[in-house]
Every structure is written in C-alpha cells, then in structure tokens.
Amino acid sequence: MDTNKVVRNTIVATSQAIVYGITLFFVYRYVLDALGAESLGVWALVLATTSTASLANLGIATSTTKFVAQYIARDQPDTANSIIQTAAVSVALILGIALPLVYPLISNLIGYLIQSDAYLPEAYLILPYAMLSFWLNSVSGVFQACIDGYQRVDLRGYLLIGASLLYLALVFLLVPTRGIEGLAQAQVIQAGILLIGSWGLLRYIMPALPIVPFRWSTATFKEIIGYSLNFQVIAITQLLLEPVAKALLSRFAGLSTLAYFEMAHRMVFQIRSLIAAGHQAIVPTIADAQERSPGNLSKIYNYSFRLLLFLIVFGLPFCMMLTPFVSWIWIGEYNATFILFANLLFIGWFLNLLANPAYFANLGTGELKWNVIGHIVIGVLNLSLGIMLGRAFGGTGITIGFIAALLTGSFIIMMAYHKNYHISLLRLFSVRTVYLALASITALIATGFLFITYFEDLPALTLILINLAVFLLITAWPVWQHPVPRTILSLVQSRFSPPTPDTQPGPHER
C-alpha cells in the first residue's frame, strides 16, 4: 500500500470538502436572503425528485472505481480503458433516453408535493435545467469514479474545488437578475465544466483514451452490470432516504420547513464528509490490497474504525454545541426549526460513520450483500416511519424517522462485517475513549446550560467564545491522553523530521 498516496488523497479530499462547505454556506445564505425560504425549498424539492432518474444508470458509475483499480493492479490498462469508455457511453445513452421519458412523471409528482400553487411556476421553470445538470453530473461522475480507481483522488479534489468556486461566482452573477432560474443555470454551467474537466484529467492519467469516449464492449458491459446490480438496489433504496424525506416534508410540513431541513442536512452532511473523505480515498486502496496483500485489510479496518470513533466521540458534541451559533450566523437568527433538525441529523449521520469502515471495506472487496441489505432496511423504514410520524408530528416526526432508519440499517452493515471477520466491537473501544465520551457529553451539557441562561443577555460572539473555551477546557486533557492524537502526531513528526545520523543508511544500503 502506497502510504504517501493515501495520505495525499485524504488531505486533498478533506480540503475539497472544506471548500465545498464554505461555498455552500455563502450560496445558501445568499439564496435565502435573495429568494426566500420557500424558493429554496422549491429548489431542494426539484433536485430531490430529479434524482429519481438515477435508477436508470443501473449503478454503473459507482462500480467503475473498483474495476479500474482492480485492472490497474493486474497491469491490464487496455481492460481499464474498455471499462472507462463502456461505462461512460452506457450512462450517457441510458440517461439520455430515460430523462425525457420520466419528465412528465416528475412534473406531476412535483405538482402533487407542492401545496402552494404560487410556487409551482418556479418549480416547472427550473425542472429542465435540473434534468440537464443531472445528466451532465452523472456522466462526469463516471469519469470521477475512474479517477478514484487510479487512486488519484487528489486530482479529482482539485477539480471539484475549482468547480465549487466557479459555482459560487455564477450564483452571485446570475441570481440577482434571473432569480431561481439563474440558480439553475449556474448549476448547469458548473456541471458542464466538471464533465469536460474530469474527462481531461482522465486523459492526462491515461493518454491512450480518445478525445471523446466511443468504445463500447458487450463483454465489459456484462461484467460491469453483473457487479453493479447490487449498486442498483442500493440506488433504489437511497432514493427512499433523502429524496423521500424531502418529499414528505414538502407534503406534510411545507416548503419553508423543507428549506431549513435542506440547510441543516447540507451542513451536517458536509461536516460529516470531512471525516468520511479519508475513507472514500481508501476504497481503491482496499481494492488494490485485495489483489496484492489481503492480509492488510484487517489492519486498515481496525485503524480506520478507532480513528472514526475518536472523531465522533469528540466531534459530535462539539458540533451540537455550535449549532445555535451557526443558525445565528447563517440564517440571521436563532431558528428553532433549523437547530432541532441540525442536532437530530448530527446524531444520525455521525453515528452512521461507525459503519463506514465496514461499508467501504465491502466496496473495496466487492462483497456487497450486507451493504445492500442495510440500504433496503434504511429505505423501507424511512418511507414507513416518515409517513406515520409525518402525519402525526410534521417535520420533526419525519426527521426522527429518517434518523431511526439510517441508524438501524447502518448498524446492520457494521455488525454483519464484525461477525463475518470475527471482530469484537468492544475491543475497538478503549478506556481513554470512554473518558473522552464522558468529558464531551459533560462539556455539551455545560455549554448548553450557558447558552440557555445567557443567550438573551450576552452578545452572540461573546457567548460563542465562552462556550468554545468551556468545551475545550473540559475536553483538553482527555483528548491529549487519547492514543489517536498521539499516533497522528508521531506520524507527522516522523514524516517531516530528518533522519538521525545513526539511522541514516550507509553506502552499502543505498
């Protein structure tokens, strides 16, 4: 395993997530001020319903990472070339045919979900743009997955950073004069740039690729489909998660509630992606290790799980502590709906991270049975609980059902992996982790008490600084005593420190 490559990929992927999160912050704040919460809800709903067309790509895009990494490890670049072109041509043609066919269905669905007739013209106006950007992003997604297969997540990260900044500039340029249509046009332009840029990067990595992909192989397509059918089941069940939640929110709680859920979900998921980025970078590494050195898989899993556990135990309470202040900065007020949604989603998506090592290990090895089962459980539970709880409790009930479904399916995946590989969950925990968890929970309770007591009496910035100081003061010693920060510090020091004279290689060793 090329450690330098994994580290570089992880750093760039994390940087890309940070840039995208900052871009998202400014875009949503600007759109909220310029267009209002209801229009933002329309935008979120149209994108969610358009994503139902992803069923037509048969899970091809997601499977290419594994196949490209596999054939590069086997030193078969021609086969990798065939995989890339066949996957790209297949997705482009299939979606090109499917999107016009499902357009009337999606249009009717939007008309059913939006209760206010005043906002239907906006939804119908941006629907064609949403479908075009979806097609562009789907094809470029194949190229980006292939870049990951070459273990060049760093190059993809640079491209996505540039695309995020371009999107921000386009929103500021187009929204003032064209409103929500300008927002949709900005996304189409960004998607087109991503399509061209990702194919250019692939040709840089593999110069043998043509200027335009045209090669299609029946044998290659059958191989991809045989593996990607599992991803197709996953894709179906993924549509029963976020898109269904947004549809139910629009129907039972209204567009403004959907807008605050969209903002909270985007924020939480982006912060979560800072942690998950490293594991996404590890997927092709696992596929490579499966071919070259299967014995490394257990070490990769154990280390990644312990690292995630540390980040969750400290990061979840820390993020929940900051949620009211994010509302004040982002929305301009302490919005109770946003704060509630954000805290519930933080709990759900951060605890879901514990299943990431098992999930991505399964992706890397191609053993997808439990990933599929977990996604089915998530989708079915989210739909059923969302309808029942949404009718009774509105947006809060839908969000609670969303979290309950997410955690149930996620822990099924994790526990199945542990049983299959005889991994004891308790052995992955340490006494230091328990101490840190107790300290973090204590810090969250203390800062929550300070916020409730003084948020009307103290300036928001002053209260933020006080809560940060209190939280870090309570958790500083348990964090320092935890083995994960010490391990990371040792790795950094060994990486950048010059070798000592007695460890330098002699002439006969060079």
Foldseek 3Di string as FASTA:
>chain_A
DPPVLLVLLLVLLLVLLVLLLVLVLLLLLVLCVQPNLLLLLLVLLLLLLLLVLVLQLLQLLQQLLLVLLQVVLVVNVVLNLQSLLQSLVSLLVRLVVSNVVCVVVSLVLSVQLAPDPVCSVVNVLLNVLSSLLVSLQVSLSSLQSSCLSVLPSNLVSVLSSVLSVQLSVQSVVQCVVPNSNSNSVSSNVSSNSSNQSSVVVSCVVPVVHDPHRDDHDPVSVVVSSVLSNLVSLLSVLVSLAVNVLSSLLSRQPNSSLSSLLVVLLVNLVSVLSSLCSSLSSCLSVLLSCLVPPPVCLVVVLLVSLLVLLLCLLQVLLVVLLCLQVSCCVRVVHRDVSNSLSNNLSSVQSSLLVSLSSLCSNCSSNSVCPLVSVLSNQLSVQLNVQLVVQCVVPNSNSSSNSSSVSSNVSSVSSRVVSCVVVVNDPVVSDDPLSVVLNVLSVVLSVVLVVLCVVPVVPDDSVVSVVVSVVSSCVSRVVSSVPDVVVVVVVVVVCVVPPDDDPVPDDDPVVD
